[in-house]
PDB file of all heavy atoms in Angstrom:
ATOM      1  N   ASP A   1    -139.907  12.835  17.605  1.00  0.00           N
ATOM      2  CA  ASP A   1    -140.688  13.654  18.565  1.00  0.00           C
ATOM      3  C   ASP A   1    -140.931  15.073  17.924  1.00  0.00           C
ATOM      4  O   ASP A   1    -140.210  15.979  18.114  1.00  0.00           O
ATOM      5  CB  ASP A   1    -139.947  13.824  19.875  1.00  0.00           C
ATOM      6  CG  ASP A   1    -140.685  14.596  20.941  1.00  0.00           C
ATOM      7  OD1 ASP A   1    -141.739  15.140  20.642  1.00  0.00           O
ATOM      8  OD2 ASP A   1    -140.112  14.661  22.116  1.00  0.00           O
ATOM      9  N   PRO A   2    -142.122  15.154  17.264  1.00  0.00           N
ATOM     10  CA  PRO A   2    -142.362  16.385  16.489  1.00  0.00           C
ATOM     11  C   PRO A   2    -142.414  17.612  17.453  1.00  0.00           C
ATOM     12  O   PRO A   2    -142.035  18.665  16.995  1.00  0.00           O
ATOM     13  CB  PRO A   2    -143.723  16.160  15.944  1.00  0.00           C
ATOM     14  CG  PRO A   2    -143.839  14.676  15.696  1.00  0.00           C
ATOM     15  CD  PRO A   2    -143.048  14.084  16.891  1.00  0.00           C
ATOM     16  N   GLN A   3    -142.895  17.455  18.668  1.00  0.00           N
ATOM     17  CA  GLN A   3    -142.884  18.502  19.591  1.00  0.00           C
ATOM     18  C   GLN A   3    -141.466  19.120  19.760  1.00  0.00           C
ATOM     19  O   GLN A   3    -141.305  20.336  19.861  1.00  0.00           O
ATOM     20  CB  GLN A   3    -143.528  18.171  20.991  1.00  0.00           C
ATOM     21  CG  GLN A   3    -143.791  19.438  21.852  1.00  0.00           C
ATOM     22  CD  GLN A   3    -144.570  19.049  23.082  1.00  0.00           C
ATOM     23  OE1 GLN A   3    -145.177  17.965  23.154  1.00  0.00           O
ATOM     24  NE2 GLN A   3    -144.542  19.931  24.069  1.00  0.00           N
ATOM     25  N   SER A   4    -140.517  18.212  20.037  1.00  0.00           N
ATOM     26  CA  SER A   4    -139.144  18.671  20.256  1.00  0.00           C
ATOM     27  C   SER A   4    -138.613  19.365  18.993  1.00  0.00           C
ATOM     28  O   SER A   4    -137.788  20.317  19.129  1.00  0.00           O
ATOM     29  CB  SER A   4    -138.240  17.444  20.516  1.00  0.00           C
ATOM     30  OG  SER A   4    -137.920  16.605  19.426  1.00  0.00           O
ATOM     31  N   LEU A   5    -139.073  19.006  17.831  1.00  0.00           N
ATOM     32  CA  LEU A   5    -138.519  19.547  16.579  1.00  0.00           C
ATOM     33  C   LEU A   5    -139.080  21.003  16.477  1.00  0.00           C
ATOM     34  O   LEU A   5    -138.366  21.896  16.046  1.00  0.00           O
ATOM     35  CB  LEU A   5    -138.999  18.789  15.345  1.00  0.00           C
ATOM     36  CG  LEU A   5    -138.398  17.384  15.238  1.00  0.00           C
ATOM     37  CD1 LEU A   5    -138.975  16.609  14.026  1.00  0.00           C
ATOM     38  CD2 LEU A   5    -136.885  17.487  15.049  1.00  0.00           C
ATOM     39  N   GLY A   6    -140.236  21.219  16.948  1.00  0.00           N
ATOM     40  CA  GLY A   6    -140.789  22.644  16.890  1.00  0.00           C
ATOM     41  C   GLY A   6    -139.893  23.509  17.847  1.00  0.00           C
ATOM     42  O   GLY A   6    -139.732  24.692  17.487  1.00  0.00           O
ATOM     43  N   THR A   7    -139.470  23.111  18.939  1.00  0.00           N
ATOM     44  CA  THR A   7    -138.741  23.791  19.867  1.00  0.00           C
ATOM     45  C   THR A   7    -137.304  24.012  19.242  1.00  0.00           C
ATOM     46  O   THR A   7    -136.732  25.110  19.364  1.00  0.00           O
ATOM     47  CB  THR A   7    -138.633  23.171  21.290  1.00  0.00           C
ATOM     48  OG1 THR A   7    -139.934  23.010  21.789  1.00  0.00           O
ATOM     49  CG2 THR A   7    -137.745  23.899  22.144  1.00  0.00           C
ATOM     50  N   ALA A   8    -136.722  22.970  18.695  1.00  0.00           N
ATOM     51  CA  ALA A   8    -135.446  22.892  18.128  1.00  0.00           C
ATOM     52  C   ALA A   8    -135.308  23.950  16.952  1.00  0.00           C
ATOM     53  O   ALA A   8    -134.202  24.637  16.828  1.00  0.00           O
ATOM     54  CB  ALA A   8    -134.928  21.548  17.751  1.00  0.00           C
ATOM     55  N   LEU A   9    -136.359  24.056  16.176  1.00  0.00           N
ATOM     56  CA  LEU A   9    -136.207  24.928  15.031  1.00  0.00           C
ATOM     57  C   LEU A   9    -136.758  26.326  15.252  1.00  0.00           C
ATOM     58  O   LEU A   9    -136.861  27.126  14.237  1.00  0.00           O
ATOM     59  CB  LEU A   9    -136.986  24.211  13.802  1.00  0.00           C
ATOM     60  CG  LEU A   9    -136.141  23.226  12.988  1.00  0.00           C
ATOM     61  CD1 LEU A   9    -135.566  22.079  13.762  1.00  0.00           C
ATOM     62  CD2 LEU A   9    -136.856  22.724  11.752  1.00  0.00           C
ATOM     63  N   ALA A  10    -137.193  26.645  16.367  1.00  0.00           N
ATOM     64  CA  ALA A  10    -137.750  27.921  16.686  1.00  0.00           C
ATOM     65  C   ALA A  10    -136.735  29.059  16.298  1.00  0.00           C
ATOM     66  O   ALA A  10    -135.576  29.005  16.732  1.00  0.00           O
ATOM     67  CB  ALA A  10    -138.066  28.168  18.230  1.00  0.00           C
ATOM     68  N   GLY A  11    -137.141  30.030  15.478  1.00  0.00           N
ATOM     69  CA  GLY A  11    -136.293  31.126  15.031  1.00  0.00           C
ATOM     70  C   GLY A  11    -135.337  30.816  13.922  1.00  0.00           C
ATOM     71  O   GLY A  11    -134.473  31.601  13.582  1.00  0.00           O
ATOM     72  N   ALA A  12    -135.463  29.549  13.382  1.00  0.00           N
ATOM     73  CA  ALA A  12    -134.523  29.193  12.335  1.00  0.00           C
ATOM     74  C   ALA A  12    -134.672  30.040  11.121  1.00  0.00           C
ATOM     75  O   ALA A  12    -135.847  30.187  10.562  1.00  0.00           O
ATOM     76  CB  ALA A  12    -134.607  27.745  12.079  1.00  0.00           C
ATOM     77  N   GLU A  13    -133.651  30.426  10.498  1.00  0.00           N
ATOM     78  CA  GLU A  13    -133.689  31.017   9.075  1.00  0.00           C
ATOM     79  C   GLU A  13    -133.329  29.983   8.136  1.00  0.00           C
ATOM     80  O   GLU A  13    -134.005  29.746   7.069  1.00  0.00           O
ATOM     81  CB  GLU A  13    -132.798  32.255   9.000  1.00  0.00           C
ATOM     82  CG  GLU A  13    -133.159  33.303   9.950  1.00  0.00           C
ATOM     83  CD  GLU A  13    -132.169  34.373   9.915  1.00  0.00           C
ATOM     84  OE1 GLU A  13    -131.281  34.481   8.963  1.00  0.00           O
ATOM     85  OE2 GLU A  13    -132.213  35.292  10.872  1.00  0.00           O
ATOM     86  N   LYS A  14    -132.230  29.298   8.355  1.00  0.00           N
ATOM     87  CA  LYS A  14    -131.752  28.117   7.573  1.00  0.00           C
ATOM     88  C   LYS A  14    -131.677  26.842   8.289  1.00  0.00           C
ATOM     89  O   LYS A  14    -131.297  26.846   9.463  1.00  0.00           O
ATOM     90  CB  LYS A  14    -130.427  28.507   6.905  1.00  0.00           C
ATOM     91  CG  LYS A  14    -130.347  29.714   6.091  1.00  0.00           C
ATOM     92  CD  LYS A  14    -128.933  30.027   5.570  1.00  0.00           C
ATOM     93  CE  LYS A  14    -128.932  31.270   4.672  1.00  0.00           C
ATOM     94  NZ  LYS A  14    -127.627  31.418   4.113  1.00  0.00           N
ATOM     95  N   VAL A  15    -132.148  25.811   7.699  1.00  0.00           N
ATOM     96  CA  VAL A  15    -132.043  24.486   8.360  1.00  0.00           C
ATOM     97  C   VAL A  15    -131.284  23.424   7.527  1.00  0.00           C
ATOM     98  O   VAL A  15    -131.622  23.313   6.363  1.00  0.00           O
ATOM     99  CB  VAL A  15    -133.496  23.889   8.552  1.00  0.00           C
ATOM    100  CG1 VAL A  15    -133.444  22.483   9.203  1.00  0.00           C
ATOM    101  CG2 VAL A  15    -134.307  24.912   9.480  1.00  0.00           C
ATOM    102  N   LEU A  16    -130.250  22.836   8.147  1.00  0.00           N
ATOM    103  CA  LEU A  16    -129.657  21.726   7.348  1.00  0.00           C
ATOM    104  C   LEU A  16    -130.210  20.470   7.930  1.00  0.00           C
ATOM    105  O   LEU A  16    -130.028  20.127   9.109  1.00  0.00           O
ATOM    106  CB  LEU A  16    -128.104  21.731   7.619  1.00  0.00           C
ATOM    107  CG  LEU A  16    -127.373  20.524   7.061  1.00  0.00           C
ATOM    108  CD1 LEU A  16    -127.509  20.476   5.471  1.00  0.00           C
ATOM    109  CD2 LEU A  16    -125.907  20.497   7.408  1.00  0.00           C
ATOM    110  N   LEU A  17    -130.970  19.734   7.122  1.00  0.00           N
ATOM    111  CA  LEU A  17    -131.639  18.476   7.476  1.00  0.00           C
ATOM    112  C   LEU A  17    -130.634  17.452   7.013  1.00  0.00           C
ATOM    113  O   LEU A  17    -130.563  17.113   5.823  1.00  0.00           O
ATOM    114  CB  LEU A  17    -132.967  18.403   6.862  1.00  0.00           C
ATOM    115  CG  LEU A  17    -133.705  16.975   6.932  1.00  0.00           C
ATOM    116  CD1 LEU A  17    -133.743  16.443   8.253  1.00  0.00           C
ATOM    117  CD2 LEU A  17    -135.042  17.067   6.289  1.00  0.00           C
ATOM    118  N   ILE A  18    -129.920  16.744   8.058  1.00  0.00           N
ATOM    119  CA  ILE A  18    -129.038  15.696   7.731  1.00  0.00           C
ATOM    120  C   ILE A  18    -129.843  14.400   7.873  1.00  0.00           C
ATOM    121  O   ILE A  18    -130.551  14.165   8.867  1.00  0.00           O
ATOM    122  CB  ILE A  18    -127.922  15.766   8.736  1.00  0.00           C
ATOM    123  CG1 ILE A  18    -127.017  16.931   8.509  1.00  0.00           C
ATOM    124  CG2 ILE A  18    -127.034  14.391   8.545  1.00  0.00           C
ATOM    125  CD1 ILE A  18    -125.820  17.026   9.447  1.00  0.00           C
ATOM    126  N   SER A  19    -129.851  13.650   6.790  1.00  0.00           N
ATOM    127  CA  SER A  19    -130.610  12.404   6.747  1.00  0.00           C
ATOM    128  C   SER A  19    -130.304  11.563   7.938  1.00  0.00           C
ATOM    129  O   SER A  19    -129.222  11.285   8.356  1.00  0.00           O
ATOM    130  CB  SER A  19    -130.230  11.648   5.419  1.00  0.00           C
ATOM    131  OG  SER A  19    -130.940  10.437   5.403  1.00  0.00           O
ATOM    132  N   GLY A  20    -131.463  10.954   8.435  1.00  0.00           N
ATOM    133  CA  GLY A  20    -131.365   9.969   9.582  1.00  0.00           C
ATOM    134  C   GLY A  20    -130.814   8.616   9.092  1.00  0.00           C
ATOM    135  O   GLY A  20    -130.716   8.398   7.886  1.00  0.00           O
ATOM    136  N   SER A  21    -130.663   7.774  10.125  1.00  0.00           N
ATOM    137  CA  SER A  21    -130.094   6.411   9.766  1.00  0.00           C
ATOM    138  C   SER A  21    -131.086   5.300  10.022  1.00  0.00           C
ATOM    139  O   SER A  21    -130.742   4.129   9.928  1.00  0.00           O
ATOM    140  CB  SER A  21    -128.847   6.229  10.642  1.00  0.00           C
ATOM    141  OG  SER A  21    -129.075   6.322  12.018  1.00  0.00           O
ATOM    142  N   ASP A  22    -132.315   5.672  10.400  1.00  0.00           N
ATOM    143  CA  ASP A  22    -133.386   4.612  10.647  1.00  0.00           C
ATOM    144  C   ASP A  22    -134.010   4.176   9.400  1.00  0.00           C
ATOM    145  O   ASP A  22    -135.126   4.726   8.998  1.00  0.00           O
ATOM    146  CB  ASP A  22    -134.335   5.135  11.710  1.00  0.00           C
ATOM    147  CG  ASP A  22    -133.750   5.395  13.148  1.00  0.00           C
ATOM    148  OD1 ASP A  22    -132.790   4.674  13.420  1.00  0.00           O
ATOM    149  OD2 ASP A  22    -134.251   6.350  13.798  1.00  0.00           O
ATOM    150  N   VAL A  23    -133.462   3.173   8.755  1.00  0.00           N
ATOM    151  CA  VAL A  23    -133.984   2.690   7.502  1.00  0.00           C
ATOM    152  C   VAL A  23    -135.430   2.359   7.567  1.00  0.00           C
ATOM    153  O   VAL A  23    -135.761   1.544   8.569  1.00  0.00           O
ATOM    154  CB  VAL A  23    -133.115   1.694   6.832  1.00  0.00           C
ATOM    155  CG1 VAL A  23    -133.702   1.061   5.634  1.00  0.00           C
ATOM    156  CG2 VAL A  23    -131.648   2.112   6.624  1.00  0.00           C
ATOM    157  N   GLY A  24    -136.338   2.741   6.760  1.00  0.00           N
ATOM    158  CA  GLY A  24    -137.675   2.391   6.833  1.00  0.00           C
ATOM    159  C   GLY A  24    -138.579   3.459   7.487  1.00  0.00           C
ATOM    160  O   GLY A  24    -139.768   3.452   7.362  1.00  0.00           O
ATOM    161  N   ARG A  25    -137.929   4.379   8.223  1.00  0.00           N
ATOM    162  CA  ARG A  25    -138.713   5.409   8.930  1.00  0.00           C
ATOM    163  C   ARG A  25    -138.283   6.705   8.489  1.00  0.00           C
ATOM    164  O   ARG A  25    -138.858   7.798   8.994  1.00  0.00           O
ATOM    165  CB  ARG A  25    -138.456   5.179  10.426  1.00  0.00           C
ATOM    166  CG  ARG A  25    -138.745   3.793  10.993  1.00  0.00           C
ATOM    167  CD  ARG A  25    -138.236   3.635  12.329  1.00  0.00           C
ATOM    168  NE  ARG A  25    -138.636   4.657  13.310  1.00  0.00           N
ATOM    169  CZ  ARG A  25    -138.103   4.814  14.439  1.00  0.00           C
ATOM    170  NH1 ARG A  25    -137.108   4.044  14.797  1.00  0.00           N
ATOM    171  NH2 ARG A  25    -138.510   5.758  15.383  1.00  0.00           N
ATOM    172  N   ARG A  26    -137.465   6.886   7.607  1.00  0.00           N
ATOM    173  CA  ARG A  26    -136.756   8.259   7.346  1.00  0.00           C
ATOM    174  C   ARG A  26    -137.765   9.238   6.704  1.00  0.00           C
ATOM    175  O   ARG A  26    -137.629  10.356   6.931  1.00  0.00           O
ATOM    176  CB  ARG A  26    -135.542   8.019   6.589  1.00  0.00           C
ATOM    177  CG  ARG A  26    -134.437   7.495   7.385  1.00  0.00           C
ATOM    178  CD  ARG A  26    -133.017   7.477   6.701  1.00  0.00           C
ATOM    179  NE  ARG A  26    -133.022   6.360   5.623  1.00  0.00           N
ATOM    180  CZ  ARG A  26    -131.907   5.985   5.027  1.00  0.00           C
ATOM    181  NH1 ARG A  26    -130.754   6.586   5.355  1.00  0.00           N
ATOM    182  NH2 ARG A  26    -131.926   5.049   4.142  1.00  0.00           N
ATOM    183  N   VAL A  27    -138.543   8.808   5.779  1.00  0.00           N
ATOM    184  CA  VAL A  27    -139.440   9.752   5.162  1.00  0.00           C
ATOM    185  C   VAL A  27    -140.364  10.437   6.180  1.00  0.00           C
ATOM    186  O   VAL A  27    -140.517  11.691   6.211  1.00  0.00           O
ATOM    187  CB  VAL A  27    -140.333   9.014   4.039  1.00  0.00           C
ATOM    188  CG1 VAL A  27    -141.280   9.950   3.512  1.00  0.00           C
ATOM    189  CG2 VAL A  27    -139.449   8.451   2.914  1.00  0.00           C
TER     190      VAL A  27
END
């Protein structure tokens, strides 16, 4: 849900992107 990601990352200076587990969709 890209819209939720915009809200979640608002004001972020550093982001730790932990790899997802949905094989085939992660990129």
